[in-house]
Amino acid sequence: MKKITITAKDGKDYEITGTPVEKPTPRWRTEKDGIYWSMFGDGGVRRSTETGDDIDNSRYATGNYFKTGEEAKAYKEYLLALQKLKDAIAEVNGDWKPDWESDENAKKGYEIYWNFISEIWKISSAVYSPALQVFPHIKSKELAEQIIKDYEKELNIVRDYLFQ
């Protein structure tokens, strides 16, 4: 953990403690005539030979380009789980959409998130504004609880893939 002090616009100092973010490393790409793995349109995971053509470039650009078959299979499982969750949430929400103009938090819906401290899925009301998040907002706390109960396996697959 690292402790730093920042000065706000009002001149007050605040101490923040956290773990510094590691510098990202460049994504792996094999050399010409090397082997990589990807998910194909039929859902199969197969290896390919890098030729530098449009198909190789497209797979790399979209993140569907892996060093091992296991990595490609994990990506496929992540995509399937995420879509299953999005479909389930869309079904329970029906035509409902969050009302970000409302002062009532309940009209903004509820969000599911993983609490790393208590290591459980939690629900909070969407109190501020739309935020970048993985799962859509859900119209009621009860429906969010049901999603966690019915789709815990899929939630865990998505969590494990994103936070590996």
N, C-alpha and C. Protein backbone atom coordinates (compact mmCIF):
# COMPACT_ATOMS: atom_id res chain seq x y z
N MET A 1 0.84 -1.18 0.00
CA MET A 1 0.00 0.00 0.00
C MET A 1 0.89 1.24 0.00
N LYS A 2 0.43 2.22 -0.71
CA LYS A 2 1.17 3.47 -0.80
C LYS A 2 0.26 4.61 -0.33
N LYS A 3 0.82 5.54 0.42
CA LYS A 3 0.05 6.67 0.92
C LYS A 3 0.53 7.93 0.20
N ILE A 4 -0.42 8.68 -0.37
CA ILE A 4 -0.08 9.94 -1.02
C ILE A 4 -1.00 11.03 -0.50
N THR A 5 -0.56 12.26 -0.62
CA THR A 5 -1.37 13.41 -0.23
C THR A 5 -1.69 14.21 -1.48
N ILE A 6 -2.96 14.53 -1.64
CA ILE A 6 -3.37 15.37 -2.76
C ILE A 6 -4.02 16.63 -2.20
N THR A 7 -3.89 17.69 -2.95
CA THR A 7 -4.49 18.96 -2.56
C THR A 7 -5.67 19.25 -3.48
N ALA A 8 -6.83 19.44 -2.89
CA ALA A 8 -8.04 19.70 -3.66
C ALA A 8 -8.06 21.16 -4.11
N LYS A 9 -8.99 21.50 -4.99
CA LYS A 9 -9.11 22.87 -5.50
C LYS A 9 -9.36 23.87 -4.39
N ASP A 10 -10.03 23.42 -3.30
CA ASP A 10 -10.31 24.33 -2.19
C ASP A 10 -9.11 24.53 -1.27
N GLY A 11 -7.97 23.89 -1.60
CA GLY A 11 -6.76 24.04 -0.80
C GLY A 11 -6.59 23.02 0.30
N LYS A 12 -7.60 22.18 0.55
CA LYS A 12 -7.49 21.18 1.60
C LYS A 12 -6.67 19.99 1.12
N ASP A 13 -5.87 19.43 2.04
CA ASP A 13 -5.07 18.24 1.74
C ASP A 13 -5.83 16.99 2.16
N TYR A 14 -5.75 15.96 1.34
CA TYR A 14 -6.36 14.68 1.64
C TYR A 14 -5.34 13.58 1.45
N GLU A 15 -5.30 12.64 2.41
CA GLU A 15 -4.41 11.50 2.28
C GLU A 15 -5.19 10.34 1.68
N ILE A 16 -4.58 9.70 0.71
CA ILE A 16 -5.21 8.55 0.05
C ILE A 16 -4.24 7.38 0.15
N THR A 17 -4.77 6.23 0.53
CA THR A 17 -3.96 5.03 0.62
C THR A 17 -4.49 4.03 -0.40
N GLY A 18 -3.58 3.41 -1.13
CA GLY A 18 -4.01 2.43 -2.12
C GLY A 18 -2.83 1.69 -2.71
N THR A 19 -3.15 0.81 -3.61
CA THR A 19 -2.13 0.04 -4.30
C THR A 19 -1.92 0.67 -5.68
N PRO A 20 -0.69 1.03 -6.00
CA PRO A 20 -0.44 1.63 -7.31
C PRO A 20 -0.82 0.66 -8.43
N VAL A 21 -1.36 1.20 -9.51
CA VAL A 21 -1.73 0.39 -10.67
C VAL A 21 -0.46 0.07 -11.44
N GLU A 22 -0.32 -1.20 -11.79
CA GLU A 22 0.85 -1.60 -12.56
C GLU A 22 0.74 -1.08 -13.98
N LYS A 23 1.88 -0.78 -14.56
CA LYS A 23 1.91 -0.34 -15.94
C LYS A 23 1.46 -1.50 -16.83
N PRO A 24 0.49 -1.26 -17.71
CA PRO A 24 0.02 -2.36 -18.55
C PRO A 24 1.11 -2.84 -19.50
N THR A 25 1.12 -4.12 -19.74
CA THR A 25 2.08 -4.67 -20.69
C THR A 25 1.40 -4.80 -22.04
N PRO A 26 2.17 -4.70 -23.12
CA PRO A 26 1.56 -4.84 -24.45
C PRO A 26 0.94 -6.22 -24.62
N ARG A 27 -0.14 -6.27 -25.37
CA ARG A 27 -0.78 -7.55 -25.64
C ARG A 27 0.15 -8.43 -26.47
N TRP A 28 0.00 -9.72 -26.25
CA TRP A 28 0.80 -10.68 -26.98
C TRP A 28 0.29 -10.84 -28.40
N ARG A 29 1.20 -10.95 -29.33
CA ARG A 29 0.87 -11.33 -30.70
C ARG A 29 2.03 -12.17 -31.23
N THR A 30 1.70 -13.27 -31.84
CA THR A 30 2.74 -14.16 -32.35
C THR A 30 3.41 -13.56 -33.58
N GLU A 31 4.54 -14.09 -33.94
CA GLU A 31 5.23 -13.66 -35.16
C GLU A 31 4.57 -14.30 -36.38
N LYS A 32 4.94 -13.85 -37.56
CA LYS A 32 4.40 -14.42 -38.80
C LYS A 32 4.70 -15.92 -38.84
N ASP A 33 3.72 -16.68 -39.22
CA ASP A 33 3.75 -18.15 -39.28
C ASP A 33 3.70 -18.80 -37.89
N GLY A 34 3.51 -17.99 -36.84
CA GLY A 34 3.33 -18.53 -35.50
C GLY A 34 1.88 -18.96 -35.28
N ILE A 35 1.65 -19.64 -34.17
CA ILE A 35 0.32 -20.17 -33.84
C ILE A 35 -0.35 -19.29 -32.80
N TYR A 36 -1.65 -19.04 -32.98
CA TYR A 36 -2.47 -18.38 -31.98
C TYR A 36 -3.82 -19.09 -31.95
N TRP A 37 -4.62 -18.80 -30.93
CA TRP A 37 -5.94 -19.42 -30.74
C TRP A 37 -7.02 -18.35 -30.76
N SER A 38 -8.20 -18.73 -31.23
CA SER A 38 -9.34 -17.79 -31.21
C SER A 38 -10.64 -18.57 -31.25
N MET A 39 -11.72 -17.84 -30.99
CA MET A 39 -13.05 -18.41 -31.07
C MET A 39 -13.58 -18.13 -32.48
N PHE A 40 -14.09 -19.16 -33.13
CA PHE A 40 -14.61 -19.04 -34.48
C PHE A 40 -16.10 -18.73 -34.44
N GLY A 41 -16.65 -18.36 -35.57
CA GLY A 41 -18.07 -18.00 -35.68
C GLY A 41 -19.03 -19.10 -35.26
N ASP A 42 -18.60 -20.36 -35.36
CA ASP A 42 -19.47 -21.46 -34.95
C ASP A 42 -19.36 -21.76 -33.46
N GLY A 43 -18.56 -20.95 -32.73
CA GLY A 43 -18.39 -21.13 -31.29
C GLY A 43 -17.23 -22.03 -30.93
N GLY A 44 -16.62 -22.66 -31.92
CA GLY A 44 -15.48 -23.52 -31.65
C GLY A 44 -14.22 -22.71 -31.36
N VAL A 45 -13.33 -23.28 -30.58
CA VAL A 45 -12.04 -22.67 -30.30
C VAL A 45 -10.99 -23.45 -31.08
N ARG A 46 -10.26 -22.73 -31.94
CA ARG A 46 -9.29 -23.40 -32.80
C ARG A 46 -8.00 -22.59 -32.89
N ARG A 47 -6.97 -23.28 -33.30
CA ARG A 47 -5.70 -22.59 -33.51
C ARG A 47 -5.60 -22.15 -34.96
N SER A 48 -4.86 -21.09 -35.17
CA SER A 48 -4.65 -20.55 -36.51
C SER A 48 -3.18 -20.19 -36.66
N THR A 49 -2.77 -20.04 -37.92
CA THR A 49 -1.41 -19.61 -38.23
C THR A 49 -1.46 -18.14 -38.61
N GLU A 50 -0.64 -17.35 -37.97
CA GLU A 50 -0.58 -15.90 -38.24
C GLU A 50 0.02 -15.65 -39.62
N THR A 51 -0.76 -14.97 -40.45
CA THR A 51 -0.27 -14.59 -41.77
C THR A 51 -0.25 -13.07 -41.94
N GLY A 52 -0.88 -12.37 -40.99
CA GLY A 52 -0.97 -10.92 -41.10
C GLY A 52 -2.11 -10.46 -41.99
N ASP A 53 -3.03 -11.37 -42.33
CA ASP A 53 -4.15 -11.00 -43.20
C ASP A 53 -5.24 -10.28 -42.40
N ASP A 54 -6.31 -9.91 -43.08
CA ASP A 54 -7.41 -9.16 -42.45
C ASP A 54 -8.07 -9.96 -41.32
N ILE A 55 -8.17 -11.28 -41.48
CA ILE A 55 -8.80 -12.11 -40.43
C ILE A 55 -7.95 -12.08 -39.17
N ASP A 56 -6.65 -12.29 -39.30
CA ASP A 56 -5.75 -12.23 -38.15
C ASP A 56 -5.81 -10.86 -37.49
N ASN A 57 -5.77 -9.81 -38.30
CA ASN A 57 -5.80 -8.45 -37.76
C ASN A 57 -7.11 -8.14 -37.05
N SER A 58 -8.22 -8.63 -37.61
CA SER A 58 -9.52 -8.42 -36.99
C SER A 58 -9.62 -9.15 -35.66
N ARG A 59 -9.18 -10.40 -35.62
CA ARG A 59 -9.20 -11.16 -34.36
C ARG A 59 -8.35 -10.46 -33.30
N TYR A 60 -7.19 -9.99 -33.69
CA TYR A 60 -6.32 -9.30 -32.73
C TYR A 60 -6.98 -8.00 -32.25
N ALA A 61 -7.52 -7.23 -33.18
CA ALA A 61 -8.12 -5.93 -32.84
C ALA A 61 -9.33 -6.07 -31.91
N THR A 62 -10.06 -7.18 -32.01
CA THR A 62 -11.25 -7.36 -31.18
C THR A 62 -10.98 -8.15 -29.91
N GLY A 63 -9.73 -8.52 -29.66
CA GLY A 63 -9.39 -9.25 -28.44
C GLY A 63 -9.66 -10.73 -28.53
N ASN A 64 -9.92 -11.24 -29.71
CA ASN A 64 -10.20 -12.66 -29.92
C ASN A 64 -8.93 -13.31 -30.48
N TYR A 65 -7.85 -13.23 -29.72
CA TYR A 65 -6.52 -13.66 -30.18
C TYR A 65 -5.73 -14.05 -28.94
N PHE A 66 -5.40 -15.34 -28.80
CA PHE A 66 -4.83 -15.83 -27.55
C PHE A 66 -3.63 -16.73 -27.78
N LYS A 67 -2.79 -16.78 -26.77
CA LYS A 67 -1.58 -17.60 -26.80
C LYS A 67 -1.90 -19.09 -26.65
N THR A 68 -2.94 -19.40 -25.87
CA THR A 68 -3.28 -20.81 -25.62
C THR A 68 -4.77 -21.06 -25.87
N GLY A 69 -5.08 -22.33 -26.07
CA GLY A 69 -6.47 -22.72 -26.22
C GLY A 69 -7.25 -22.49 -24.95
N GLU A 70 -6.61 -22.66 -23.79
CA GLU A 70 -7.29 -22.43 -22.50
C GLU A 70 -7.72 -20.98 -22.36
N GLU A 71 -6.86 -20.04 -22.79
CA GLU A 71 -7.23 -18.62 -22.73
C GLU A 71 -8.43 -18.34 -23.63
N ALA A 72 -8.42 -18.92 -24.82
CA ALA A 72 -9.53 -18.71 -25.75
C ALA A 72 -10.82 -19.31 -25.21
N LYS A 73 -10.74 -20.48 -24.57
CA LYS A 73 -11.93 -21.11 -23.98
C LYS A 73 -12.48 -20.28 -22.83
N ALA A 74 -11.59 -19.70 -22.01
CA ALA A 74 -12.03 -18.84 -20.91
C ALA A 74 -12.75 -17.60 -21.46
N TYR A 75 -12.24 -17.05 -22.55
CA TYR A 75 -12.87 -15.89 -23.20
C TYR A 75 -14.27 -16.26 -23.69
N LYS A 76 -14.38 -17.43 -24.31
CA LYS A 76 -15.68 -17.90 -24.80
C LYS A 76 -16.66 -18.05 -23.64
N GLU A 77 -16.24 -18.69 -22.55
CA GLU A 77 -17.11 -18.88 -21.39
C GLU A 77 -17.54 -17.54 -20.80
N TYR A 78 -16.62 -16.58 -20.76
CA TYR A 78 -16.93 -15.24 -20.28
C TYR A 78 -18.02 -14.59 -21.15
N LEU A 79 -17.84 -14.64 -22.46
CA LEU A 79 -18.83 -14.03 -23.36
C LEU A 79 -20.20 -14.68 -23.22
N LEU A 80 -20.22 -16.01 -23.13
CA LEU A 80 -21.50 -16.72 -22.99
C LEU A 80 -22.19 -16.37 -21.67
N ALA A 81 -21.42 -16.32 -20.58
CA ALA A 81 -21.99 -15.99 -19.27
C ALA A 81 -22.49 -14.55 -19.25
N LEU A 82 -21.71 -13.63 -19.80
CA LEU A 82 -22.11 -12.22 -19.81
C LEU A 82 -23.39 -12.03 -20.61
N GLN A 83 -23.50 -12.68 -21.76
CA GLN A 83 -24.71 -12.52 -22.57
C GLN A 83 -25.92 -13.13 -21.88
N LYS A 84 -25.72 -14.27 -21.21
CA LYS A 84 -26.82 -14.90 -20.47
C LYS A 84 -27.34 -13.97 -19.38
N LEU A 85 -26.42 -13.29 -18.69
CA LEU A 85 -26.81 -12.33 -17.65
C LEU A 85 -27.55 -11.13 -18.25
N LYS A 86 -27.01 -10.59 -19.33
CA LYS A 86 -27.67 -9.44 -19.97
C LYS A 86 -29.07 -9.80 -20.44
N ASP A 87 -29.22 -11.01 -21.01
CA ASP A 87 -30.54 -11.46 -21.47
C ASP A 87 -31.51 -11.61 -20.29
N ALA A 88 -31.02 -12.20 -19.20
CA ALA A 88 -31.88 -12.39 -18.01
C ALA A 88 -32.32 -11.05 -17.43
N ILE A 89 -31.39 -10.10 -17.36
CA ILE A 89 -31.72 -8.78 -16.82
C ILE A 89 -32.70 -8.06 -17.74
N ALA A 90 -32.49 -8.17 -19.04
CA ALA A 90 -33.43 -7.54 -19.99
C ALA A 90 -34.82 -8.14 -19.84
N GLU A 91 -34.90 -9.44 -19.62
CA GLU A 91 -36.20 -10.09 -19.47
C GLU A 91 -36.92 -9.61 -18.21
N VAL A 92 -36.22 -9.53 -17.07
CA VAL A 92 -36.89 -9.10 -15.84
C VAL A 92 -37.21 -7.61 -15.87
N ASN A 93 -36.40 -6.82 -16.59
CA ASN A 93 -36.65 -5.38 -16.66
C ASN A 93 -37.80 -5.03 -17.60
N GLY A 94 -38.07 -5.87 -18.59
CA GLY A 94 -39.10 -5.53 -19.56
C GLY A 94 -38.77 -4.22 -20.26
N ASP A 95 -39.74 -3.30 -20.30
CA ASP A 95 -39.53 -2.00 -20.95
C ASP A 95 -38.93 -0.96 -20.01
N TRP A 96 -38.68 -1.33 -18.75
CA TRP A 96 -38.17 -0.38 -17.77
C TRP A 96 -36.77 0.11 -18.13
N LYS A 97 -36.54 1.40 -17.92
CA LYS A 97 -35.22 2.01 -18.09
C LYS A 97 -34.98 2.91 -16.87
N PRO A 98 -33.72 3.05 -16.43
CA PRO A 98 -33.44 3.94 -15.29
C PRO A 98 -33.85 5.38 -15.61
N ASP A 99 -34.40 6.06 -14.62
CA ASP A 99 -34.78 7.47 -14.76
C ASP A 99 -33.73 8.31 -14.04
N TRP A 100 -32.71 8.76 -14.77
CA TRP A 100 -31.60 9.48 -14.16
C TRP A 100 -31.97 10.90 -13.76
N GLU A 101 -33.10 11.39 -14.22
CA GLU A 101 -33.54 12.74 -13.86
C GLU A 101 -34.28 12.77 -12.52
N SER A 102 -34.74 11.62 -12.06
CA SER A 102 -35.53 11.53 -10.83
C SER A 102 -34.67 11.73 -9.59
N ASP A 103 -35.29 12.30 -8.55
CA ASP A 103 -34.62 12.42 -7.25
C ASP A 103 -34.81 11.16 -6.42
N GLU A 104 -35.66 10.25 -6.88
CA GLU A 104 -35.91 9.01 -6.15
C GLU A 104 -34.94 7.93 -6.64
N ASN A 105 -34.11 7.45 -5.72
CA ASN A 105 -33.12 6.45 -6.09
C ASN A 105 -33.73 5.20 -6.71
N ALA A 106 -34.91 4.79 -6.21
CA ALA A 106 -35.54 3.57 -6.70
C ALA A 106 -35.85 3.67 -8.19
N LYS A 107 -36.09 4.87 -8.71
CA LYS A 107 -36.39 5.03 -10.13
C LYS A 107 -35.14 4.87 -11.00
N LYS A 108 -33.97 4.91 -10.35
CA LYS A 108 -32.71 4.73 -11.07
C LYS A 108 -32.32 3.26 -11.13
N GLY A 109 -32.95 2.46 -10.31
CA GLY A 109 -32.70 1.03 -10.33
C GLY A 109 -31.62 0.59 -9.36
N TYR A 110 -31.19 -0.65 -9.53
CA TYR A 110 -30.22 -1.28 -8.63
C TYR A 110 -29.12 -1.91 -9.46
N GLU A 111 -27.93 -1.97 -8.86
CA GLU A 111 -26.81 -2.57 -9.57
C GLU A 111 -26.22 -3.71 -8.74
N ILE A 112 -25.75 -4.71 -9.44
CA ILE A 112 -25.10 -5.85 -8.80
C ILE A 112 -23.59 -5.61 -8.89
N TYR A 113 -22.90 -5.84 -7.77
CA TYR A 113 -21.44 -5.70 -7.79
C TYR A 113 -20.81 -6.71 -6.84
N TRP A 114 -19.56 -7.02 -7.09
CA TRP A 114 -18.80 -7.93 -6.25
C TRP A 114 -18.07 -7.13 -5.19
N ASN A 115 -18.27 -7.50 -3.92
CA ASN A 115 -17.58 -6.84 -2.82
C ASN A 115 -16.33 -7.67 -2.50
N PHE A 116 -15.18 -7.11 -2.80
CA PHE A 116 -13.93 -7.85 -2.62
C PHE A 116 -13.56 -8.03 -1.15
N ILE A 117 -14.09 -7.21 -0.27
CA ILE A 117 -13.77 -7.33 1.16
C ILE A 117 -14.56 -8.49 1.78
N SER A 118 -15.87 -8.47 1.59
CA SER A 118 -16.70 -9.53 2.17
C SER A 118 -16.83 -10.74 1.25
N GLU A 119 -16.34 -10.60 0.02
CA GLU A 119 -16.35 -11.68 -0.98
C GLU A 119 -17.75 -12.25 -1.23
N ILE A 120 -18.68 -11.34 -1.47
CA ILE A 120 -20.04 -11.75 -1.83
C ILE A 120 -20.59 -10.77 -2.87
N TRP A 121 -21.60 -11.23 -3.60
CA TRP A 121 -22.31 -10.34 -4.52
C TRP A 121 -23.23 -9.46 -3.71
N LYS A 122 -23.25 -8.18 -4.03
CA LYS A 122 -24.09 -7.22 -3.31
C LYS A 122 -24.91 -6.41 -4.30
N ILE A 123 -25.87 -5.70 -3.72
CA ILE A 123 -26.77 -4.86 -4.52
C ILE A 123 -26.75 -3.47 -3.91
N SER A 124 -26.69 -2.48 -4.77
CA SER A 124 -26.84 -1.11 -4.25
C SER A 124 -27.77 -0.35 -5.18
N SER A 125 -28.40 0.67 -4.60
CA SER A 125 -29.25 1.51 -5.45
C SER A 125 -28.33 2.39 -6.28
N ALA A 126 -28.75 2.66 -7.49
CA ALA A 126 -27.97 3.50 -8.40
C ALA A 126 -28.27 4.95 -8.07
N VAL A 127 -27.53 5.51 -7.13
CA VAL A 127 -27.90 6.81 -6.57
C VAL A 127 -27.43 8.02 -7.35
N TYR A 128 -26.41 7.90 -8.14
CA TYR A 128 -25.85 9.10 -8.75
C TYR A 128 -26.20 9.24 -10.23
N SER A 129 -25.49 8.57 -11.05
CA SER A 129 -25.69 8.68 -12.50
C SER A 129 -25.23 7.39 -13.15
N PRO A 130 -25.51 7.24 -14.41
CA PRO A 130 -25.05 6.03 -15.06
C PRO A 130 -23.53 5.95 -14.97
N ALA A 131 -23.02 4.80 -14.65
CA ALA A 131 -21.58 4.61 -14.53
C ALA A 131 -21.17 3.47 -15.46
N LEU A 132 -19.92 3.44 -15.77
CA LEU A 132 -19.40 2.34 -16.56
C LEU A 132 -19.44 1.10 -15.70
N GLN A 133 -20.23 0.14 -16.10
CA GLN A 133 -20.33 -1.08 -15.33
C GLN A 133 -20.62 -2.23 -16.27
N VAL A 134 -20.46 -3.43 -15.76
CA VAL A 134 -20.60 -4.62 -16.59
C VAL A 134 -22.05 -4.98 -16.82
N PHE A 135 -22.86 -4.94 -15.78
CA PHE A 135 -24.25 -5.39 -15.87
C PHE A 135 -25.21 -4.21 -15.92
N PRO A 136 -26.29 -4.33 -16.70
CA PRO A 136 -27.30 -3.25 -16.72
C PRO A 136 -27.96 -3.08 -15.35
N HIS A 137 -28.51 -1.89 -15.11
CA HIS A 137 -29.28 -1.66 -13.89
C HIS A 137 -30.55 -2.49 -13.92
N ILE A 138 -31.02 -2.84 -12.73
CA ILE A 138 -32.20 -3.70 -12.59
C ILE A 138 -33.28 -2.90 -11.87
N LYS A 139 -34.52 -3.08 -12.27
CA LYS A 139 -35.59 -2.20 -11.80
C LYS A 139 -35.97 -2.36 -10.34
N SER A 140 -35.66 -3.48 -9.69
CA SER A 140 -35.99 -3.61 -8.27
C SER A 140 -34.93 -4.42 -7.55
N LYS A 141 -34.85 -4.19 -6.26
CA LYS A 141 -33.89 -4.92 -5.43
C LYS A 141 -34.23 -6.41 -5.42
N GLU A 142 -35.52 -6.72 -5.37
CA GLU A 142 -35.95 -8.12 -5.35
C GLU A 142 -35.54 -8.85 -6.63
N LEU A 143 -35.67 -8.18 -7.76
CA LEU A 143 -35.26 -8.81 -9.02
C LEU A 143 -33.74 -8.97 -9.08
N ALA A 144 -33.00 -8.01 -8.54
CA ALA A 144 -31.54 -8.12 -8.49
C ALA A 144 -31.13 -9.31 -7.61
N GLU A 145 -31.82 -9.48 -6.47
CA GLU A 145 -31.54 -10.63 -5.60
C GLU A 145 -31.82 -11.93 -6.32
N GLN A 146 -32.89 -11.96 -7.12
CA GLN A 146 -33.23 -13.17 -7.88
C GLN A 146 -32.17 -13.47 -8.94
N ILE A 147 -31.67 -12.44 -9.60
CA ILE A 147 -30.60 -12.63 -10.60
C ILE A 147 -29.37 -13.24 -9.93
N ILE A 148 -28.99 -12.73 -8.76
CA ILE A 148 -27.84 -13.28 -8.05
C ILE A 148 -28.08 -14.75 -7.71
N LYS A 149 -29.27 -15.06 -7.23
CA LYS A 149 -29.60 -16.43 -6.85
C LYS A 149 -29.59 -17.37 -8.06
N ASP A 150 -30.23 -16.94 -9.14
CA ASP A 150 -30.39 -17.81 -10.30
C ASP A 150 -29.16 -17.88 -11.21
N TYR A 151 -28.31 -16.85 -11.16
CA TYR A 151 -27.20 -16.76 -12.10
C TYR A 151 -25.85 -16.56 -11.41
N GLU A 152 -25.71 -17.12 -10.23
CA GLU A 152 -24.44 -16.95 -9.50
C GLU A 152 -23.27 -17.55 -10.27
N LYS A 153 -23.48 -18.68 -10.90
CA LYS A 153 -22.41 -19.30 -11.69
C LYS A 153 -21.91 -18.34 -12.78
N GLU A 154 -22.84 -17.74 -13.52
CA GLU A 154 -22.48 -16.82 -14.59
C GLU A 154 -21.82 -15.55 -14.04
N LEU A 155 -22.35 -15.04 -12.93
CA LEU A 155 -21.72 -13.88 -12.30
C LEU A 155 -20.27 -14.18 -11.93
N ASN A 156 -20.03 -15.35 -11.38
CA ASN A 156 -18.68 -15.73 -10.98
C ASN A 156 -17.75 -15.91 -12.17
N ILE A 157 -18.26 -16.44 -13.27
CA ILE A 157 -17.44 -16.58 -14.48
C ILE A 157 -17.01 -15.20 -14.97
N VAL A 158 -17.95 -14.27 -15.01
CA VAL A 158 -17.63 -12.90 -15.47
C VAL A 158 -16.64 -12.25 -14.52
N ARG A 159 -16.88 -12.34 -13.22
CA ARG A 159 -15.96 -11.77 -12.23
C ARG A 159 -14.56 -12.35 -12.39
N ASP A 160 -14.47 -13.66 -12.45
CA ASP A 160 -13.16 -14.31 -12.52
C ASP A 160 -12.41 -13.95 -13.79
N TYR A 161 -13.14 -13.79 -14.90
CA TYR A 161 -12.47 -13.43 -16.15
C TYR A 161 -11.97 -11.98 -16.08
N LEU A 162 -12.80 -11.09 -15.59
CA LEU A 162 -12.42 -9.67 -15.58
C LEU A 162 -11.34 -9.34 -14.55
N PHE A 163 -11.29 -10.11 -13.46
CA PHE A 163 -10.35 -9.80 -12.39
C PHE A 163 -9.29 -10.87 -12.21
N GLN A 164 -8.95 -11.57 -13.27
CA GLN A 164 -7.91 -12.60 -13.17
C GLN A 164 -6.54 -12.02 -12.97
